[in-house]
Amino acid sequence: MALGSGLLQMVKDRISEVNVQGKKDMLIKSIIVTTRLSMFSNLLREGTGLPVFNELTMLNLFSSASSLSHFNDAKVLCRLSDKLERS
């Protein structure tokens, strides 16, 4: 997998250029990859130790966030049902 190792090395080089000692803002703390590069997500995640987000992980993130919401449809219906039962 020469392409993947080349990509990993380029990403590591860029991270070492940007994340310099004493610099507190503008640090690279995660990686977002496009659809075309999503096949390298695990390689980048393991090779850099940073969270890597692709289209699937972003969809999962938004899905889990909305399912935990106090205002999602299921919870609103449950609260409404509870109110109706108490009245």
N, C-alpha and C. Protein backbone atom coordinates (compact mmCIF):
# COMPACT_ATOMS: atom_id res chain seq x y z
N MET A 1 0.85 -1.18 0.00
CA MET A 1 0.00 0.00 0.00
C MET A 1 0.90 1.25 0.00
N ALA A 2 1.59 1.46 -1.10
CA ALA A 2 2.52 2.59 -1.22
C ALA A 2 1.78 3.92 -1.20
N LEU A 3 0.60 3.95 -1.81
CA LEU A 3 -0.18 5.19 -1.84
C LEU A 3 -0.59 5.61 -0.44
N GLY A 4 -1.04 4.67 0.36
CA GLY A 4 -1.45 4.95 1.73
C GLY A 4 -0.29 5.40 2.59
N SER A 5 0.85 4.74 2.46
CA SER A 5 2.01 5.13 3.27
C SER A 5 2.54 6.49 2.85
N GLY A 6 2.46 6.80 1.55
CA GLY A 6 2.86 8.13 1.08
C GLY A 6 1.94 9.21 1.62
N LEU A 7 0.65 8.94 1.62
CA LEU A 7 -0.32 9.89 2.17
C LEU A 7 -0.09 10.09 3.66
N LEU A 8 0.13 8.99 4.37
CA LEU A 8 0.38 9.08 5.80
C LEU A 8 1.61 9.93 6.09
N GLN A 9 2.66 9.73 5.33
CA GLN A 9 3.88 10.51 5.55
C GLN A 9 3.66 11.99 5.27
N MET A 10 2.91 12.31 4.22
CA MET A 10 2.60 13.71 3.91
C MET A 10 1.80 14.35 5.05
N VAL A 11 0.83 13.62 5.58
CA VAL A 11 0.01 14.13 6.67
C VAL A 11 0.85 14.34 7.92
N LYS A 12 1.70 13.36 8.24
CA LYS A 12 2.58 13.49 9.41
C LYS A 12 3.52 14.69 9.26
N ASP A 13 4.07 14.89 8.06
CA ASP A 13 4.95 16.03 7.82
C ASP A 13 4.22 17.34 8.04
N ARG A 14 2.99 17.43 7.52
CA ARG A 14 2.21 18.65 7.67
C ARG A 14 1.86 18.91 9.14
N ILE A 15 1.51 17.86 9.86
CA ILE A 15 1.20 18.01 11.28
C ILE A 15 2.43 18.51 12.04
N SER A 16 3.61 17.97 11.73
CA SER A 16 4.81 18.41 12.43
C SER A 16 5.19 19.85 12.08
N GLU A 17 4.83 20.30 10.88
CA GLU A 17 5.08 21.70 10.50
C GLU A 17 4.15 22.65 11.26
N VAL A 18 2.89 22.26 11.39
CA VAL A 18 1.88 23.14 11.99
C VAL A 18 1.91 23.09 13.51
N ASN A 19 2.01 21.91 14.07
CA ASN A 19 1.97 21.74 15.52
C ASN A 19 3.37 21.91 16.11
N VAL A 20 3.79 23.15 16.27
CA VAL A 20 5.11 23.43 16.83
C VAL A 20 5.00 23.75 18.32
N GLN A 21 6.08 23.52 19.03
CA GLN A 21 6.13 23.76 20.48
C GLN A 21 5.81 25.21 20.80
N GLY A 22 4.97 25.42 21.79
CA GLY A 22 4.64 26.76 22.23
C GLY A 22 3.51 27.43 21.48
N LYS A 23 3.05 26.83 20.42
CA LYS A 23 1.95 27.39 19.63
C LYS A 23 0.65 26.82 20.18
N LYS A 24 -0.24 27.68 20.65
CA LYS A 24 -1.45 27.20 21.31
C LYS A 24 -2.69 27.21 20.42
N ASP A 25 -2.70 28.07 19.42
CA ASP A 25 -3.87 28.12 18.54
C ASP A 25 -3.51 27.56 17.17
N MET A 26 -4.49 27.20 16.44
CA MET A 26 -4.33 26.69 15.08
C MET A 26 -3.57 25.35 15.02
N LEU A 27 -3.69 24.55 16.07
CA LEU A 27 -3.09 23.23 16.06
C LEU A 27 -3.97 22.25 15.30
N ILE A 28 -3.35 21.27 14.68
CA ILE A 28 -4.13 20.21 14.04
C ILE A 28 -4.46 19.20 15.13
N LYS A 29 -5.76 19.05 15.40
CA LYS A 29 -6.21 18.14 16.45
C LYS A 29 -7.07 17.01 15.92
N SER A 30 -7.48 17.11 14.66
CA SER A 30 -8.25 16.05 14.02
C SER A 30 -8.10 16.21 12.51
N ILE A 31 -8.54 15.19 11.79
CA ILE A 31 -8.41 15.18 10.34
C ILE A 31 -9.77 14.88 9.73
N ILE A 32 -10.14 15.65 8.72
CA ILE A 32 -11.36 15.39 7.96
C ILE A 32 -10.94 14.99 6.56
N VAL A 33 -11.39 13.83 6.11
CA VAL A 33 -11.04 13.37 4.77
C VAL A 33 -12.26 13.39 3.86
N THR A 34 -12.01 13.60 2.60
CA THR A 34 -13.08 13.60 1.61
C THR A 34 -13.47 12.17 1.27
N THR A 35 -14.51 12.05 0.51
CA THR A 35 -15.02 10.73 0.11
C THR A 35 -13.95 9.92 -0.61
N ARG A 36 -13.18 10.56 -1.44
CA ARG A 36 -12.15 9.84 -2.21
C ARG A 36 -11.03 9.31 -1.33
N LEU A 37 -10.80 9.94 -0.19
CA LEU A 37 -9.72 9.50 0.70
C LEU A 37 -10.22 8.71 1.90
N SER A 38 -11.51 8.47 1.97
CA SER A 38 -12.07 7.79 3.15
C SER A 38 -11.54 6.37 3.31
N MET A 39 -11.06 5.77 2.24
CA MET A 39 -10.50 4.42 2.35
C MET A 39 -9.21 4.40 3.18
N PHE A 40 -8.62 5.58 3.39
CA PHE A 40 -7.39 5.67 4.18
C PHE A 40 -7.66 6.16 5.61
N SER A 41 -8.91 6.26 6.00
CA SER A 41 -9.25 6.79 7.32
C SER A 41 -8.60 6.00 8.44
N ASN A 42 -8.73 4.69 8.41
CA ASN A 42 -8.16 3.87 9.49
C ASN A 42 -6.64 3.98 9.51
N LEU A 43 -6.02 4.00 8.35
CA LEU A 43 -4.57 4.13 8.26
C LEU A 43 -4.11 5.45 8.88
N LEU A 44 -4.81 6.54 8.55
CA LEU A 44 -4.47 7.85 9.11
C LEU A 44 -4.74 7.90 10.61
N ARG A 45 -5.83 7.29 11.04
CA ARG A 45 -6.19 7.27 12.46
C ARG A 45 -5.12 6.54 13.27
N GLU A 46 -4.72 5.38 12.78
CA GLU A 46 -3.70 4.58 13.48
C GLU A 46 -2.32 5.23 13.39
N GLY A 47 -2.01 5.80 12.24
CA GLY A 47 -0.68 6.35 12.02
C GLY A 47 -0.43 7.68 12.71
N THR A 48 -1.47 8.46 12.93
CA THR A 48 -1.28 9.78 13.55
C THR A 48 -1.75 9.83 14.99
N GLY A 49 -2.64 8.93 15.38
CA GLY A 49 -3.20 8.96 16.71
C GLY A 49 -4.25 10.05 16.89
N LEU A 50 -4.66 10.66 15.78
CA LEU A 50 -5.67 11.71 15.82
C LEU A 50 -7.02 11.16 15.38
N PRO A 51 -8.11 11.77 15.81
CA PRO A 51 -9.42 11.38 15.29
C PRO A 51 -9.51 11.75 13.80
N VAL A 52 -10.00 10.83 13.01
CA VAL A 52 -10.16 11.06 11.57
C VAL A 52 -11.63 10.90 11.25
N PHE A 53 -12.19 11.92 10.60
CA PHE A 53 -13.61 11.92 10.26
C PHE A 53 -13.77 11.81 8.75
N ASN A 54 -14.60 10.86 8.34
CA ASN A 54 -14.99 10.75 6.93
C ASN A 54 -16.51 10.86 6.88
N GLU A 55 -17.09 10.62 5.71
CA GLU A 55 -18.54 10.81 5.59
C GLU A 55 -19.32 9.88 6.51
N LEU A 56 -18.83 8.68 6.72
CA LEU A 56 -19.55 7.73 7.56
C LEU A 56 -19.46 8.12 9.04
N THR A 57 -18.28 8.50 9.50
CA THR A 57 -18.15 8.89 10.90
C THR A 57 -18.91 10.18 11.19
N MET A 58 -18.96 11.09 10.22
CA MET A 58 -19.72 12.32 10.43
C MET A 58 -21.22 12.03 10.50
N LEU A 59 -21.71 11.15 9.64
CA LEU A 59 -23.13 10.77 9.70
C LEU A 59 -23.45 10.11 11.04
N ASN A 60 -22.58 9.23 11.50
CA ASN A 60 -22.78 8.59 12.79
C ASN A 60 -22.77 9.60 13.93
N LEU A 61 -21.86 10.57 13.84
CA LEU A 61 -21.77 11.61 14.86
C LEU A 61 -23.07 12.42 14.94
N PHE A 62 -23.56 12.88 13.79
CA PHE A 62 -24.80 13.66 13.78
C PHE A 62 -26.00 12.82 14.18
N SER A 63 -26.01 11.58 13.77
CA SER A 63 -27.12 10.69 14.13
C SER A 63 -27.16 10.46 15.63
N SER A 64 -26.01 10.19 16.22
CA SER A 64 -26.00 9.95 17.67
C SER A 64 -26.32 11.23 18.44
N ALA A 65 -25.88 12.36 17.93
CA ALA A 65 -26.18 13.62 18.62
C ALA A 65 -27.67 13.91 18.57
N SER A 66 -28.31 13.65 17.44
CA SER A 66 -29.74 13.94 17.35
C SER A 66 -30.56 12.93 18.15
N SER A 67 -30.07 11.70 18.27
CA SER A 67 -30.83 10.72 19.05
C SER A 67 -30.71 11.00 20.54
N LEU A 68 -29.68 11.71 20.96
CA LEU A 68 -29.53 12.06 22.37
C LEU A 68 -30.22 13.37 22.72
N SER A 69 -30.72 14.04 21.72
CA SER A 69 -31.34 15.34 21.93
C SER A 69 -32.60 15.23 22.76
N HIS A 70 -32.79 16.22 23.60
CA HIS A 70 -33.99 16.29 24.44
C HIS A 70 -35.23 16.55 23.58
N PHE A 71 -35.02 17.02 22.36
CA PHE A 71 -36.13 17.43 21.51
C PHE A 71 -36.38 16.49 20.34
N ASN A 72 -35.75 15.31 20.30
CA ASN A 72 -36.03 14.43 19.17
C ASN A 72 -37.47 13.92 19.26
N ASP A 73 -37.98 13.45 18.16
CA ASP A 73 -39.40 13.09 18.05
C ASP A 73 -39.84 12.05 19.08
N ALA A 74 -39.02 11.03 19.29
CA ALA A 74 -39.41 9.96 20.21
C ALA A 74 -39.54 10.49 21.64
N LYS A 75 -38.60 11.31 22.05
CA LYS A 75 -38.65 11.82 23.42
C LYS A 75 -39.80 12.80 23.61
N VAL A 76 -40.07 13.60 22.59
CA VAL A 76 -41.20 14.54 22.68
C VAL A 76 -42.51 13.76 22.81
N LEU A 77 -42.65 12.70 22.02
CA LEU A 77 -43.86 11.88 22.09
C LEU A 77 -43.99 11.19 23.45
N CYS A 78 -42.87 10.71 24.00
CA CYS A 78 -42.91 10.08 25.32
C CYS A 78 -43.34 11.07 26.39
N ARG A 79 -42.78 12.28 26.34
CA ARG A 79 -43.17 13.29 27.33
C ARG A 79 -44.63 13.66 27.18
N LEU A 80 -45.11 13.77 25.95
CA LEU A 80 -46.51 14.09 25.71
C LEU A 80 -47.40 12.97 26.24
N SER A 81 -47.00 11.74 25.98
CA SER A 81 -47.76 10.59 26.48
C SER A 81 -47.81 10.59 28.00
N ASP A 82 -46.68 10.87 28.64
CA ASP A 82 -46.63 10.92 30.12
C ASP A 82 -47.56 12.02 30.65
N LYS A 83 -47.57 13.15 30.01
CA LYS A 83 -48.44 14.26 30.45
C LYS A 83 -49.90 13.87 30.30
N LEU A 84 -50.24 13.22 29.20
CA LEU A 84 -51.62 12.82 28.98
C LEU A 84 -52.06 11.77 30.01
N GLU A 85 -51.18 10.88 30.36
CA GLU A 85 -51.52 9.84 31.35
C GLU A 85 -51.72 10.44 32.74
N ARG A 86 -50.97 11.48 33.07
CA ARG A 86 -51.08 12.11 34.39
C ARG A 86 -52.31 13.00 34.50
N SER A 87 -52.84 13.45 33.39
CA SER A 87 -53.99 14.36 33.48
C SER A 87 -55.30 13.63 33.46
